[in-house]
Amino acid sequence: MKGWIIYDRCDAEKNGWFIEQISENGRKYGIDFRLVLTEDFDENEMSDNLRLPEIAIVRSRHHEMSSLL
């Protein structure tokens, strides 16, 4: 299963430990999490359903990210 952890860059730097914990625990359940930064987000990923995650943890302050998913 594919998953995204979505953060703003500045918050990802502060929360590296938490991101690692989510990733480690996800692997125990067969979830491969990938960090996606809002600043680097490519809306084209949203148009290609093959690349969408099956699960997303949105830790960004930008509610638009949740709406796009």
C-alpha atoms as a PDB file:
ATOM      1  CA  MET A   1       0.000   0.000   0.000  1.00  0.00           C
ATOM      2  CA  LYS A   2       1.245   3.458  -0.894  1.00  0.00           C
ATOM      3  CA  GLY A   3       0.899   6.418   1.480  1.00  0.00           C
ATOM      4  CA  TRP A   4       1.850  10.068   1.609  1.00  0.00           C
ATOM      5  CA  ILE A   5       2.782  12.189   4.617  1.00  0.00           C
ATOM      6  CA  ILE A   6       2.137  15.780   3.551  1.00  0.00           C
ATOM      7  CA  TYR A   7       3.960  18.626   5.285  1.00  0.00           C
ATOM      8  CA  ASP A   8       5.131  22.165   4.687  1.00  0.00           C
ATOM      9  CA  ARG A   9       8.936  22.171   4.425  1.00  0.00           C
ATOM     10  CA  CYS A  10       9.524  24.154   7.628  1.00  0.00           C
ATOM     11  CA  ASP A  11       7.255  21.853   9.644  1.00  0.00           C
ATOM     12  CA  ALA A  12       8.798  18.705   8.162  1.00  0.00           C
ATOM     13  CA  GLU A  13      12.212  19.859   9.371  1.00  0.00           C
ATOM     14  CA  LYS A  14      10.850  20.326  12.894  1.00  0.00           C
ATOM     15  CA  ASN A  15       8.927  17.038  12.893  1.00  0.00           C
ATOM     16  CA  GLY A  16      11.465  14.668  11.390  1.00  0.00           C
ATOM     17  CA  TRP A  17      11.191  12.255  14.312  1.00  0.00           C
ATOM     18  CA  PHE A  18       7.400  12.034  13.973  1.00  0.00           C
ATOM     19  CA  ILE A  19       7.647  11.471  10.208  1.00  0.00           C
ATOM     20  CA  GLU A  20      10.142   8.659  10.775  1.00  0.00           C
ATOM     21  CA  GLN A  21       7.887   7.056  13.375  1.00  0.00           C
ATOM     22  CA  ILE A  22       4.915   7.086  11.006  1.00  0.00           C
ATOM     23  CA  SER A  23       7.079   5.580   8.272  1.00  0.00           C
ATOM     24  CA  GLU A  24       8.478   2.853  10.524  1.00  0.00           C
ATOM     25  CA  ASN A  25       5.080   1.906  11.891  1.00  0.00           C
ATOM     26  CA  GLY A  26       3.554   1.988   8.424  1.00  0.00           C
ATOM     27  CA  ARG A  27       6.067  -0.572   7.191  1.00  0.00           C
ATOM     28  CA  LYS A  28       4.875  -2.952   9.916  1.00  0.00           C
ATOM     29  CA  TYR A  29       1.463  -2.879   8.240  1.00  0.00           C
ATOM     30  CA  GLY A  30       2.654  -2.939   4.646  1.00  0.00           C
ATOM     31  CA  ILE A  31       2.295   0.810   4.056  1.00  0.00           C
ATOM     32  CA  ASP A  32       5.131   2.512   2.194  1.00  0.00           C
ATOM     33  CA  PHE A  33       4.925   6.182   3.215  1.00  0.00           C
ATOM     34  CA  ARG A  34       6.579   8.935   1.185  1.00  0.00           C
ATOM     35  CA  LEU A  35       7.069  12.489   2.435  1.00  0.00           C
ATOM     36  CA  VAL A  36       5.415  14.999   0.093  1.00  0.00           C
ATOM     37  CA  LEU A  37       6.225  18.664   0.685  1.00  0.00           C
ATOM     38  CA  THR A  38       3.527  21.190  -0.172  1.00  0.00           C
ATOM     39  CA  GLU A  39       6.126  23.432  -1.805  1.00  0.00           C
ATOM     40  CA  ASP A  40       7.152  20.647  -4.181  1.00  0.00           C
ATOM     41  CA  PHE A  41       3.683  19.245  -4.781  1.00  0.00           C
ATOM     42  CA  ASP A  42       2.863  18.672  -8.409  1.00  0.00           C
ATOM     43  CA  GLU A  43      -0.843  18.834  -9.220  1.00  0.00           C
ATOM     44  CA  ASN A  44      -0.129  16.598 -12.194  1.00  0.00           C
ATOM     45  CA  GLU A  45       0.304  13.785  -9.663  1.00  0.00           C
ATOM     46  CA  MET A  46      -3.336  14.253  -8.810  1.00  0.00           C
ATOM     47  CA  SER A  47      -4.442  13.777 -12.408  1.00  0.00           C
ATOM     48  CA  ASP A  48      -2.631  10.446 -12.734  1.00  0.00           C
ATOM     49  CA  ASN A  49      -4.710   8.038 -10.633  1.00  0.00           C
ATOM     50  CA  LEU A  50      -1.976   5.415 -10.797  1.00  0.00           C
ATOM     51  CA  ARG A  51       0.229   7.641  -8.678  1.00  0.00           C
ATOM     52  CA  LEU A  52      -2.311   8.584  -6.022  1.00  0.00           C
ATOM     53  CA  PRO A  53      -1.740   7.153  -2.552  1.00  0.00           C
ATOM     54  CA  GLU A  54      -4.190   4.822  -0.914  1.00  0.00           C
ATOM     55  CA  ILE A  55      -3.729   6.735   2.329  1.00  0.00           C
ATOM     56  CA  ALA A  56      -2.587  10.284   3.087  1.00  0.00           C
ATOM     57  CA  ILE A  57      -1.723  11.975   6.350  1.00  0.00           C
ATOM     58  CA  VAL A  58      -2.032  15.716   5.776  1.00  0.00           C
ATOM     59  CA  ARG A  59      -0.065  17.670   8.371  1.00  0.00           C
ATOM     60  CA  SER A  60      -0.068  20.894   6.388  1.00  0.00           C
ATOM     61  CA  ARG A  61      -1.874  24.081   7.261  1.00  0.00           C
ATOM     62  CA  HIS A  62      -3.101  24.297   3.670  1.00  0.00           C
ATOM     63  CA  HIS A  63      -6.598  22.843   3.620  1.00  0.00           C
ATOM     64  CA  GLU A  64      -6.417  22.827  -0.192  1.00  0.00           C
ATOM     65  CA  MET A  65      -4.219  19.728  -0.010  1.00  0.00           C
ATOM     66  CA  SER A  66      -6.976  17.755   1.685  1.00  0.00           C
ATOM     67  CA  SER A  67      -9.510  18.961  -0.859  1.00  0.00           C
ATOM     68  CA  LEU A  68      -7.319  17.814  -3.756  1.00  0.00           C
ATOM     69  CA  LEU A  69      -7.056  14.307  -2.396  1.00  0.00           C
END
